[in-house]
Amino acid sequence: MPAPRKYPPELRDRAIRLVTEAREQESGLSLNAAAKRIGPRVGISPDTLRGWVKQADVDAGRRPGVPVADAARARELERENRELKRANEILLAASSFFARALDPRLPW
């Protein structure tokens, strides 16, 4: 179960939008400078805000990287794969056990 979020999603979306708008209004404004300007105003650490904006850019396709939805799906598939491998091992062990029990020629 994931940890509870410190910031509500509405605040996160608003802060990302403010940084994006500030960068659009001032063409020379870096992401770092915009995060340092906007972060304290909305009560968010500039480093946290910068990470949010970077991930939002990845999700929007403006920056290379793995979108959140794809990463979540990959984690889900990896978990499912581990469960299936474990179930397969159990079934193989059970079939081996029953094969030995049914064949009297096999040594115990």
PDB file of N, CA and C in Angstrom:
ATOM      1  N   MET A   1       0.842  -1.174   0.000  1.00  0.00           N
ATOM      2  CA  MET A   1       0.000   0.000   0.000  1.00  0.00           C
ATOM      3  C   MET A   1       0.888   1.239   0.000  1.00  0.00           C
ATOM      4  N   PRO A   2       0.662   2.172  -0.910  1.00  0.00           N
ATOM      5  CA  PRO A   2       1.515   3.354  -0.977  1.00  0.00           C
ATOM      6  C   PRO A   2       1.306   4.272   0.228  1.00  0.00           C
ATOM      7  N   ALA A   3       2.334   5.048   0.508  1.00  0.00           N
ATOM      8  CA  ALA A   3       2.266   6.005   1.615  1.00  0.00           C
ATOM      9  C   ALA A   3       1.267   7.110   1.282  1.00  0.00           C
ATOM     10  N   PRO A   4       0.641   7.682   2.302  1.00  0.00           N
ATOM     11  CA  PRO A   4      -0.300   8.775   2.030  1.00  0.00           C
ATOM     12  C   PRO A   4       0.426   9.974   1.433  1.00  0.00           C
ATOM     13  N   ARG A   5      -0.251  10.674   0.576  1.00  0.00           N
ATOM     14  CA  ARG A   5       0.345  11.831  -0.101  1.00  0.00           C
ATOM     15  C   ARG A   5       0.370  13.028   0.849  1.00  0.00           C
ATOM     16  N   LYS A   6       1.492  13.751   0.828  1.00  0.00           N
ATOM     17  CA  LYS A   6       1.628  14.921   1.684  1.00  0.00           C
ATOM     18  C   LYS A   6       0.834  16.093   1.131  1.00  0.00           C
ATOM     19  N   TYR A   7       0.780  16.187  -0.184  1.00  0.00           N
ATOM     20  CA  TYR A   7       0.092  17.294  -0.834  1.00  0.00           C
ATOM     21  C   TYR A   7      -1.121  16.783  -1.598  1.00  0.00           C
ATOM     22  N   PRO A   8      -2.233  17.499  -1.524  1.00  0.00           N
ATOM     23  CA  PRO A   8      -3.412  17.071  -2.296  1.00  0.00           C
ATOM     24  C   PRO A   8      -3.167  17.222  -3.799  1.00  0.00           C
ATOM     25  N   PRO A   9      -3.821  16.401  -4.611  1.00  0.00           N
ATOM     26  CA  PRO A   9      -3.619  16.471  -6.064  1.00  0.00           C
ATOM     27  C   PRO A   9      -3.963  17.838  -6.656  1.00  0.00           C
ATOM     28  N   GLU A  10      -4.934  18.523  -6.076  1.00  0.00           N
ATOM     29  CA  GLU A  10      -5.308  19.848  -6.599  1.00  0.00           C
ATOM     30  C   GLU A  10      -4.159  20.832  -6.447  1.00  0.00           C
ATOM     31  N   LEU A  11      -3.479  20.798  -5.286  1.00  0.00           N
ATOM     32  CA  LEU A  11      -2.345  21.684  -5.054  1.00  0.00           C
ATOM     33  C   LEU A  11      -1.205  21.339  -6.007  1.00  0.00           C
ATOM     34  N   ARG A  12      -0.980  20.062  -6.198  1.00  0.00           N
ATOM     35  CA  ARG A  12       0.075  19.623  -7.110  1.00  0.00           C
ATOM     36  C   ARG A  12      -0.194  20.121  -8.529  1.00  0.00           C
ATOM     37  N   ASP A  13      -1.419  19.926  -9.011  1.00  0.00           N
ATOM     38  CA  ASP A  13      -1.768  20.367 -10.367  1.00  0.00           C
ATOM     39  C   ASP A  13      -1.644  21.884 -10.509  1.00  0.00           C
ATOM     40  N   ARG A  14      -2.093  22.594  -9.484  1.00  0.00           N
ATOM     41  CA  ARG A  14      -2.023  24.064  -9.524  1.00  0.00           C
ATOM     42  C   ARG A  14      -0.573  24.532  -9.563  1.00  0.00           C
ATOM     43  N   ALA A  15       0.279  23.939  -8.734  1.00  0.00           N
ATOM     44  CA  ALA A  15       1.686  24.336  -8.691  1.00  0.00           C
ATOM     45  C   ALA A  15       2.380  24.046 -10.024  1.00  0.00           C
ATOM     46  N   ILE A  16       2.100  22.901 -10.608  1.00  0.00           N
ATOM     47  CA  ILE A  16       2.687  22.564 -11.914  1.00  0.00           C
ATOM     48  C   ILE A  16       2.231  23.570 -12.968  1.00  0.00           C
ATOM     49  N   ARG A  17       0.944  23.895 -12.936  1.00  0.00           N
ATOM     50  CA  ARG A  17       0.408  24.859 -13.900  1.00  0.00           C
ATOM     51  C   ARG A  17       1.065  26.228 -13.722  1.00  0.00           C
ATOM     52  N   LEU A  18       1.271  26.664 -12.464  1.00  0.00           N
ATOM     53  CA  LEU A  18       1.900  27.965 -12.214  1.00  0.00           C
ATOM     54  C   LEU A  18       3.333  28.004 -12.737  1.00  0.00           C
ATOM     55  N   VAL A  19       4.081  26.931 -12.540  1.00  0.00           N
ATOM     56  CA  VAL A  19       5.460  26.888 -13.042  1.00  0.00           C
ATOM     57  C   VAL A  19       5.462  26.899 -14.565  1.00  0.00           C
ATOM     58  N   THR A  20       4.588  26.131 -15.167  1.00  0.00           N
ATOM     59  CA  THR A  20       4.511  26.086 -16.629  1.00  0.00           C
ATOM     60  C   THR A  20       4.148  27.448 -17.192  1.00  0.00           C
ATOM     61  N   GLU A  21       3.175  28.110 -16.584  1.00  0.00           N
ATOM     62  CA  GLU A  21       2.773  29.442 -17.053  1.00  0.00           C
ATOM     63  C   GLU A  21       3.886  30.452 -16.868  1.00  0.00           C
ATOM     64  N   ALA A  22       4.611  30.385 -15.746  1.00  0.00           N
ATOM     65  CA  ALA A  22       5.718  31.319 -15.511  1.00  0.00           C
ATOM     66  C   ALA A  22       6.807  31.134 -16.547  1.00  0.00           C
ATOM     67  N   ARG A  23       7.088  29.901 -16.914  1.00  0.00           N
ATOM     68  CA  ARG A  23       8.117  29.643 -17.925  1.00  0.00           C
ATOM     69  C   ARG A  23       7.665  30.091 -19.315  1.00  0.00           C
ATOM     70  N   GLU A  24       6.353  29.992 -19.587  1.00  0.00           N
ATOM     71  CA  GLU A  24       5.849  30.455 -20.877  1.00  0.00           C
ATOM     72  C   GLU A  24       5.877  31.978 -20.970  1.00  0.00           C
ATOM     73  N   GLN A  25       5.595  32.650 -19.860  1.00  0.00           N
ATOM     74  CA  GLN A  25       5.575  34.116 -19.859  1.00  0.00           C
ATOM     75  C   GLN A  25       6.982  34.693 -19.960  1.00  0.00           C
ATOM     76  N   GLU A  26       7.944  34.074 -19.297  1.00  0.00           N
ATOM     77  CA  GLU A  26       9.333  34.525 -19.369  1.00  0.00           C
ATOM     78  C   GLU A  26      10.135  33.446 -20.086  1.00  0.00           C
ATOM     79  N   SER A  27      10.487  33.705 -21.316  1.00  0.00           N
ATOM     80  CA  SER A  27      11.134  32.679 -22.140  1.00  0.00           C
ATOM     81  C   SER A  27      12.489  32.242 -21.598  1.00  0.00           C
ATOM     82  N   GLY A  28      13.220  33.100 -20.911  1.00  0.00           N
ATOM     83  CA  GLY A  28      14.539  32.760 -20.406  1.00  0.00           C
ATOM     84  C   GLY A  28      14.522  32.125 -19.025  1.00  0.00           C
ATOM     85  N   LEU A  29      13.370  31.946 -18.443  1.00  0.00           N
ATOM     86  CA  LEU A  29      13.259  31.420 -17.080  1.00  0.00           C
ATOM     87  C   LEU A  29      13.486  29.904 -17.074  1.00  0.00           C
ATOM     88  N   SER A  30      14.456  29.485 -16.289  1.00  0.00           N
ATOM     89  CA  SER A  30      14.745  28.048 -16.204  1.00  0.00           C
ATOM     90  C   SER A  30      13.734  27.365 -15.290  1.00  0.00           C
ATOM     91  N   LEU A  31      13.695  26.062 -15.389  1.00  0.00           N
ATOM     92  CA  LEU A  31      12.810  25.282 -14.533  1.00  0.00           C
ATOM     93  C   LEU A  31      13.198  25.471 -13.071  1.00  0.00           C
ATOM     94  N   ASN A  32      14.476  25.481 -12.807  1.00  0.00           N
ATOM     95  CA  ASN A  32      14.954  25.652 -11.438  1.00  0.00           C
ATOM     96  C   ASN A  32      14.531  27.006 -10.875  1.00  0.00           C
ATOM     97  N   ALA A  33      14.711  28.067 -11.647  1.00  0.00           N
ATOM     98  CA  ALA A  33      14.339  29.404 -11.186  1.00  0.00           C
ATOM     99  C   ALA A  33      12.830  29.514 -10.980  1.00  0.00           C
ATOM    100  N   ALA A  34      12.060  28.931 -11.878  1.00  0.00           N
ATOM    101  CA  ALA A  34      10.603  28.979 -11.742  1.00  0.00           C
ATOM    102  C   ALA A  34      10.157  28.204 -10.503  1.00  0.00           C
ATOM    103  N   ALA A  35      10.768  27.060 -10.251  1.00  0.00           N
ATOM    104  CA  ALA A  35      10.406  26.270  -9.072  1.00  0.00           C
ATOM    105  C   ALA A  35      10.786  26.998  -7.787  1.00  0.00           C
ATOM    106  N   LYS A  36      11.925  27.686  -7.797  1.00  0.00           N
ATOM    107  CA  LYS A  36      12.331  28.452  -6.617  1.00  0.00           C
ATOM    108  C   LYS A  36      11.425  29.656  -6.378  1.00  0.00           C
ATOM    109  N   ARG A  37      10.878  30.194  -7.439  1.00  0.00           N
ATOM    110  CA  ARG A  37       9.984  31.348  -7.310  1.00  0.00           C
ATOM    111  C   ARG A  37       8.585  30.912  -6.863  1.00  0.00           C
ATOM    112  N   ILE A  38       8.053  29.869  -7.463  1.00  0.00           N
ATOM    113  CA  ILE A  38       6.669  29.451  -7.217  1.00  0.00           C
ATOM    114  C   ILE A  38       6.550  28.575  -5.963  1.00  0.00           C
ATOM    115  N   GLY A  39       7.513  27.711  -5.711  1.00  0.00           N
ATOM    116  CA  GLY A  39       7.443  26.755  -4.609  1.00  0.00           C
ATOM    117  C   GLY A  39       7.105  27.367  -3.265  1.00  0.00           C
ATOM    118  N   PRO A  40       7.872  28.349  -2.802  1.00  0.00           N
ATOM    119  CA  PRO A  40       7.562  28.947  -1.493  1.00  0.00           C
ATOM    120  C   PRO A  40       6.196  29.645  -1.453  1.00  0.00           C
ATOM    121  N   ARG A  41       5.758  30.151  -2.570  1.00  0.00           N
ATOM    122  CA  ARG A  41       4.453  30.833  -2.599  1.00  0.00           C
ATOM    123  C   ARG A  41       3.292  29.872  -2.351  1.00  0.00           C
ATOM    124  N   VAL A  42       3.439  28.639  -2.800  1.00  0.00           N
ATOM    125  CA  VAL A  42       2.360  27.662  -2.623  1.00  0.00           C
ATOM    126  C   VAL A  42       2.664  26.668  -1.500  1.00  0.00           C
ATOM    127  N   GLY A  43       3.813  26.840  -0.822  1.00  0.00           N
ATOM    128  CA  GLY A  43       4.149  25.994   0.314  1.00  0.00           C
ATOM    129  C   GLY A  43       4.713  24.643  -0.057  1.00  0.00           C
ATOM    130  N   ILE A  44       5.456  24.588  -1.157  1.00  0.00           N
ATOM    131  CA  ILE A  44       6.052  23.336  -1.625  1.00  0.00           C
ATOM    132  C   ILE A  44       7.550  23.558  -1.797  1.00  0.00           C
ATOM    133  N   SER A  45       8.326  22.559  -1.437  1.00  0.00           N
ATOM    134  CA  SER A  45       9.762  22.627  -1.635  1.00  0.00           C
ATOM    135  C   SER A  45      10.065  22.772  -3.123  1.00  0.00           C
ATOM    136  N   PRO A  46      10.995  23.664  -3.483  1.00  0.00           N
ATOM    137  CA  PRO A  46      11.336  23.815  -4.910  1.00  0.00           C
ATOM    138  C   PRO A  46      11.815  22.517  -5.561  1.00  0.00           C
ATOM    139  N   ASP A  47      12.548  21.695  -4.805  1.00  0.00           N
ATOM    140  CA  ASP A  47      13.020  20.424  -5.369  1.00  0.00           C
ATOM    141  C   ASP A  47      11.856  19.493  -5.677  1.00  0.00           C
ATOM    142  N   THR A  48      10.879  19.445  -4.785  1.00  0.00           N
ATOM    143  CA  THR A  48       9.696  18.620  -5.010  1.00  0.00           C
ATOM    144  C   THR A  48       8.935  19.127  -6.225  1.00  0.00           C
ATOM    145  N   LEU A  49       8.759  20.416  -6.291  1.00  0.00           N
ATOM    146  CA  LEU A  49       8.020  21.020  -7.402  1.00  0.00           C
ATOM    147  C   LEU A  49       8.731  20.777  -8.728  1.00  0.00           C
ATOM    148  N   ARG A  50      10.048  20.900  -8.732  1.00  0.00           N
ATOM    149  CA  ARG A  50      10.813  20.663  -9.953  1.00  0.00           C
ATOM    150  C   ARG A  50      10.626  19.216 -10.431  1.00  0.00           C
ATOM    151  N   GLY A  51      10.646  18.271  -9.510  1.00  0.00           N
ATOM    152  CA  GLY A  51      10.422  16.869  -9.870  1.00  0.00           C
ATOM    153  C   GLY A  51       9.032  16.645 -10.443  1.00  0.00           C
ATOM    154  N   TRP A  52       8.027  17.300  -9.848  1.00  0.00           N
ATOM    155  CA  TRP A  52       6.660  17.171 -10.357  1.00  0.00           C
ATOM    156  C   TRP A  52       6.556  17.691 -11.781  1.00  0.00           C
ATOM    157  N   VAL A  53       7.179  18.842 -12.027  1.00  0.00           N
ATOM    158  CA  VAL A  53       7.100  19.452 -13.360  1.00  0.00           C
ATOM    159  C   VAL A  53       7.813  18.570 -14.383  1.00  0.00           C
ATOM    160  N   LYS A  54       8.959  18.024 -14.013  1.00  0.00           N
ATOM    161  CA  LYS A  54       9.675  17.134 -14.927  1.00  0.00           C
ATOM    162  C   LYS A  54       8.823  15.915 -15.273  1.00  0.00           C
ATOM    163  N   GLN A  55       8.191  15.314 -14.248  1.00  0.00           N
ATOM    164  CA  GLN A  55       7.361  14.142 -14.507  1.00  0.00           C
ATOM    165  C   GLN A  55       6.141  14.517 -15.337  1.00  0.00           C
ATOM    166  N   ALA A  56       5.571  15.691 -15.102  1.00  0.00           N
ATOM    167  CA  ALA A  56       4.430  16.134 -15.905  1.00  0.00           C
ATOM    168  C   ALA A  56       4.844  16.313 -17.366  1.00  0.00           C
ATOM    169  N   ASP A  57       6.057  16.819 -17.587  1.00  0.00           N
ATOM    170  CA  ASP A  57       6.562  16.953 -18.959  1.00  0.00           C
ATOM    171  C   ASP A  57       6.759  15.587 -19.615  1.00  0.00           C
ATOM    172  N   VAL A  58       7.231  14.614 -18.851  1.00  0.00           N
ATOM    173  CA  VAL A  58       7.386  13.254 -19.379  1.00  0.00           C
ATOM    174  C   VAL A  58       6.018  12.684 -19.736  1.00  0.00           C
ATOM    175  N   ASP A  59       5.060  12.850 -18.829  1.00  0.00           N
ATOM    176  CA  ASP A  59       3.713  12.318 -19.066  1.00  0.00           C
ATOM    177  C   ASP A  59       3.054  12.963 -20.279  1.00  0.00           C
ATOM    178  N   ALA A  60       3.365  14.257 -20.514  1.00  0.00           N
ATOM    179  CA  ALA A  60       2.787  14.975 -21.644  1.00  0.00           C
ATOM    180  C   ALA A  60       3.549  14.725 -22.944  1.00  0.00           C
ATOM    181  N   GLY A  61       4.704  14.055 -22.862  1.00  0.00           N
ATOM    182  CA  GLY A  61       5.476  13.760 -24.060  1.00  0.00           C
ATOM    183  C   GLY A  61       6.423  14.878 -24.467  1.00  0.00           C
ATOM    184  N   ARG A  62       6.605  15.873 -23.612  1.00  0.00           N
ATOM    185  CA  ARG A  62       7.514  16.979 -23.937  1.00  0.00           C
ATOM    186  C   ARG A  62       8.955  16.677 -23.541  1.00  0.00           C
ATOM    187  N   ARG A  63       9.161  15.600 -22.798  1.00  0.00           N
ATOM    188  CA  ARG A  63      10.493  15.240 -22.313  1.00  0.00           C
ATOM    189  C   ARG A  63      10.601  13.716 -22.386  1.00  0.00           C
ATOM    190  N   PRO A  64      11.780  13.187 -22.733  1.00  0.00           N
ATOM    191  CA  PRO A  64      11.917  11.729 -22.783  1.00  0.00           C
ATOM    192  C   PRO A  64      11.878  11.132 -21.379  1.00  0.00           C
ATOM    193  N   GLY A  65      11.352   9.942 -21.283  1.00  0.00           N
ATOM    194  CA  GLY A  65      11.273   9.258 -20.001  1.00  0.00           C
ATOM    195  C   GLY A  65      10.090   8.295 -19.989  1.00  0.00           C
ATOM    196  N   VAL A  66       9.869   7.689 -18.838  1.00  0.00           N
ATOM    197  CA  VAL A  66       8.795   6.718 -18.686  1.00  0.00           C
ATOM    198  C   VAL A  66       7.603   7.396 -18.011  1.00  0.00           C
ATOM    199  N   PRO A  67       6.469   7.458 -18.691  1.00  0.00           N
ATOM    200  CA  PRO A  67       5.278   8.052 -18.077  1.00  0.00           C
ATOM    201  C   PRO A  67       4.826   7.256 -16.850  1.00  0.00           C
ATOM    202  N   VAL A  68       4.149   7.923 -15.938  1.00  0.00           N
ATOM    203  CA  VAL A  68       3.695   7.301 -14.695  1.00  0.00           C
ATOM    204  C   VAL A  68       2.819   6.090 -14.980  1.00  0.00           C
ATOM    205  N   ALA A  69       1.917   6.205 -15.928  1.00  0.00           N
ATOM    206  CA  ALA A  69       1.002   5.102 -16.239  1.00  0.00           C
ATOM    207  C   ALA A  69       1.769   3.877 -16.726  1.00  0.00           C
ATOM    208  N   ASP A  70       2.786   4.087 -17.550  1.00  0.00           N
ATOM    209  CA  ASP A  70       3.582   2.965 -18.051  1.00  0.00           C
ATOM    210  C   ASP A  70       4.385   2.310 -16.932  1.00  0.00           C
ATOM    211  N   ALA A  71       4.949   3.116 -16.040  1.00  0.00           N
ATOM    212  CA  ALA A  71       5.720   2.573 -14.928  1.00  0.00           C
ATOM    213  C   ALA A  71       4.818   1.768 -13.994  1.00  0.00           C
ATOM    214  N   ALA A  72       3.620   2.264 -13.740  1.00  0.00           N
ATOM    215  CA  ALA A  72       2.678   1.546 -12.878  1.00  0.00           C
ATOM    216  C   ALA A  72       2.269   0.225 -13.518  1.00  0.00           C
ATOM    217  N   ARG A  73       2.027   0.238 -14.809  1.00  0.00           N
ATOM    218  CA  ARG A  73       1.645  -0.992 -15.518  1.00  0.00           C
ATOM    219  C   ARG A  73       2.789  -2.005 -15.500  1.00  0.00           C
ATOM    220  N   ALA A  74       4.025  -1.521 -15.660  1.00  0.00           N
ATOM    221  CA  ALA A  74       5.183  -2.417 -15.626  1.00  0.00           C
ATOM    222  C   ALA A  74       5.320  -3.058 -14.245  1.00  0.00           C
ATOM    223  N   ARG A  75       5.132  -2.272 -13.170  1.00  0.00           N
ATOM    224  CA  ARG A  75       5.192  -2.833 -11.824  1.00  0.00           C
ATOM    225  C   ARG A  75       4.101  -3.878 -11.613  1.00  0.00           C
ATOM    226  N   GLU A  76       2.907  -3.586 -12.121  1.00  0.00           N
ATOM    227  CA  GLU A  76       1.795  -4.531 -11.990  1.00  0.00           C
ATOM    228  C   GLU A  76       2.101  -5.838 -12.724  1.00  0.00           C
ATOM    229  N   LEU A  77       2.652  -5.740 -13.923  1.00  0.00           N
ATOM    230  CA  LEU A  77       2.983  -6.941 -14.700  1.00  0.00           C
ATOM    231  C   LEU A  77       4.111  -7.735 -14.051  1.00  0.00           C
ATOM    232  N   GLU A  78       5.093  -7.047 -13.480  1.00  0.00           N
ATOM    233  CA  GLU A  78       6.181  -7.740 -12.793  1.00  0.00           C
ATOM    234  C   GLU A  78       5.653  -8.489 -11.568  1.00  0.00           C
ATOM    235  N   ARG A  79       4.742  -7.868 -10.823  1.00  0.00           N
ATOM    236  CA  ARG A  79       4.141  -8.524  -9.668  1.00  0.00           C
ATOM    237  C   ARG A  79       3.359  -9.769 -10.097  1.00  0.00           C
ATOM    238  N   GLU A  80       2.582  -9.615 -11.152  1.00  0.00           N
ATOM    239  CA  GLU A  80       1.805 -10.746 -11.670  1.00  0.00           C
ATOM    240  C   GLU A  80       2.728 -11.866 -12.141  1.00  0.00           C
ATOM    241  N   ASN A  81       3.828 -11.502 -12.782  1.00  0.00           N
ATOM    242  CA  ASN A  81       4.789 -12.487 -13.266  1.00  0.00           C
ATOM    243  C   ASN A  81       5.397 -13.263 -12.096  1.00  0.00           C
ATOM    244  N   ARG A  82       5.753 -12.555 -11.003  1.00  0.00           N
ATOM    245  CA  ARG A  82       6.286 -13.241  -9.820  1.00  0.00           C
ATOM    246  C   ARG A  82       5.269 -14.225  -9.251  1.00  0.00           C
ATOM    247  N   GLU A  83       4.007 -13.811  -9.181  1.00  0.00           N
ATOM    248  CA  GLU A  83       2.964 -14.693  -8.657  1.00  0.00           C
ATOM    249  C   GLU A  83       2.791 -15.930  -9.535  1.00  0.00           C
ATOM    250  N   LEU A  84       2.824 -15.738 -10.842  1.00  0.00           N
ATOM    251  CA  LEU A  84       2.662 -16.869 -11.757  1.00  0.00           C
ATOM    252  C   LEU A  84       3.845 -17.832 -11.674  1.00  0.00           C
ATOM    253  N   LYS A  85       5.049 -17.299 -11.535  1.00  0.00           N
ATOM    254  CA  LYS A  85       6.224 -18.165 -11.391  1.00  0.00           C
ATOM    255  C   LYS A  85       6.131 -18.985 -10.109  1.00  0.00           C
ATOM    256  N   ARG A  86       5.681 -18.342  -9.034  1.00  0.00           N
ATOM    257  CA  ARG A  86       5.535 -19.053  -7.756  1.00  0.00           C
ATOM    258  C   ARG A  86       4.473 -20.147  -7.879  1.00  0.00           C
ATOM    259  N   ALA A  87       3.358 -19.832  -8.502  1.00  0.00           N
ATOM    260  CA  ALA A  87       2.300 -20.836  -8.692  1.00  0.00           C
ATOM    261  C   ALA A  87       2.806 -21.990  -9.547  1.00  0.00           C
ATOM    262  N   ASN A  88       3.594 -21.686 -10.559  1.00  0.00           N
ATOM    263  CA  ASN A  88       4.148 -22.724 -11.428  1.00  0.00           C
ATOM    264  C   ASN A  88       5.083 -23.645 -10.646  1.00  0.00           C
ATOM    265  N   GLU A  89       5.918 -23.073  -9.768  1.00  0.00           N
ATOM    266  CA  GLU A  89       6.813 -23.884  -8.952  1.00  0.00           C
ATOM    267  C   GLU A  89       6.013 -24.813  -8.037  1.00  0.00           C
ATOM    268  N   ILE A  90       4.947 -24.301  -7.455  1.00  0.00           N
ATOM    269  CA  ILE A  90       4.110 -25.115  -6.576  1.00  0.00           C
ATOM    270  C   ILE A  90       3.475 -26.262  -7.359  1.00  0.00           C
ATOM    271  N   LEU A  91       2.974 -25.955  -8.535  1.00  0.00           N
ATOM    272  CA  LEU A  91       2.345 -26.998  -9.362  1.00  0.00           C
ATOM    273  C   LEU A  91       3.359 -28.047  -9.808  1.00  0.00           C
ATOM    274  N   LEU A  92       4.560 -27.627 -10.147  1.00  0.00           N
ATOM    275  CA  LEU A  92       5.591 -28.596 -10.535  1.00  0.00           C
ATOM    276  C   LEU A  92       5.952 -29.502  -9.360  1.00  0.00           C
ATOM    277  N   ALA A  93       6.079 -28.922  -8.187  1.00  0.00           N
ATOM    278  CA  ALA A  93       6.401 -29.727  -7.008  1.00  0.00           C
ATOM    279  C   ALA A  93       5.267 -30.701  -6.702  1.00  0.00           C
ATOM    280  N   ALA A  94       4.031 -30.251  -6.819  1.00  0.00           N
ATOM    281  CA  ALA A  94       2.886 -31.115  -6.547  1.00  0.00           C
ATOM    282  C   ALA A  94       2.801 -32.249  -7.567  1.00  0.00           C
ATOM    283  N   SER A  95       3.018 -31.945  -8.830  1.00  0.00           N
ATOM    284  CA  SER A  95       2.941 -32.993  -9.849  1.00  0.00           C
ATOM    285  C   SER A  95       4.059 -34.019  -9.658  1.00  0.00           C
ATOM    286  N   SER A  96       5.232 -33.572  -9.249  1.00  0.00           N
ATOM    287  CA  SER A  96       6.337 -34.488  -8.974  1.00  0.00           C
ATOM    288  C   SER A  96       5.999 -35.384  -7.793  1.00  0.00           C
ATOM    289  N   PHE A  97       5.420 -34.801  -6.753  1.00  0.00           N
ATOM    290  CA  PHE A  97       5.028 -35.567  -5.570  1.00  0.00           C
ATOM    291  C   PHE A  97       4.013 -36.646  -5.931  1.00  0.00           C
ATOM    292  N   PHE A  98       2.977 -36.252  -6.672  1.00  0.00           N
ATOM    293  CA  PHE A  98       1.938 -37.216  -7.022  1.00  0.00           C
ATOM    294  C   PHE A  98       2.438 -38.252  -8.027  1.00  0.00           C
ATOM    295  N   ALA A  99       3.356 -37.890  -8.893  1.00  0.00           N
ATOM    296  CA  ALA A  99       3.911 -38.857  -9.835  1.00  0.00           C
ATOM    297  C   ALA A  99       4.689 -39.929  -9.082  1.00  0.00           C
ATOM    298  N   ARG A 100       5.458 -39.545  -8.064  1.00  0.00           N
ATOM    299  CA  ARG A 100       6.199 -40.512  -7.263  1.00  0.00           C
ATOM    300  C   ARG A 100       5.249 -41.377  -6.454  1.00  0.00           C
ATOM    301  N   ALA A 101       4.156 -40.803  -5.969  1.00  0.00           N
ATOM    302  CA  ALA A 101       3.203 -41.555  -5.154  1.00  0.00           C
ATOM    303  C   ALA A 101       2.478 -42.606  -5.992  1.00  0.00           C
ATOM    304  N   LEU A 102       2.262 -42.339  -7.265  1.00  0.00           N
ATOM    305  CA  LEU A 102       1.528 -43.263  -8.123  1.00  0.00           C
ATOM    306  C   LEU A 102       2.418 -44.317  -8.761  1.00  0.00           C
ATOM    307  N   ASP A 103       3.718 -44.053  -8.859  1.00  0.00           N
ATOM    308  CA  ASP A 103       4.637 -44.999  -9.509  1.00  0.00           C
ATOM    309  C   ASP A 103       5.456 -45.710  -8.442  1.00  0.00           C
ATOM    310  N   PRO A 104       5.161 -46.973  -8.177  1.00  0.00           N
ATOM    311  CA  PRO A 104       5.869 -47.695  -7.097  1.00  0.00           C
ATOM    312  C   PRO A 104       7.322 -47.984  -7.439  1.00  0.00           C
ATOM    313  N   ARG A 105       7.733 -47.885  -8.711  1.00  0.00           N
ATOM    314  CA  ARG A 105       9.113 -48.174  -9.084  1.00  0.00           C
ATOM    315  C   ARG A 105      10.053 -47.053  -8.672  1.00  0.00           C
ATOM    316  N   LEU A 106       9.520 -45.851  -8.475  1.00  0.00           N
ATOM    317  CA  LEU A 106      10.373 -44.718  -8.112  1.00  0.00           C
ATOM    318  C   LEU A 106      10.751 -44.817  -6.640  1.00  0.00           C
ATOM    319  N   PRO A 107      12.019 -44.548  -6.298  1.00  0.00           N
ATOM    320  CA  PRO A 107      12.449 -44.591  -4.884  1.00  0.00           C
ATOM    321  C   PRO A 107      11.902 -43.383  -4.126  1.00  0.00           C
ATOM    322  N   TRP A 108      11.653 -43.603  -2.871  1.00  0.00           N
ATOM    323  CA  TRP A 108      11.175 -42.511  -2.019  1.00  0.00           C
ATOM    324  C   TRP A 108      12.351 -41.836  -1.488  1.00  0.00           C
TER     325      TRP A 108
END
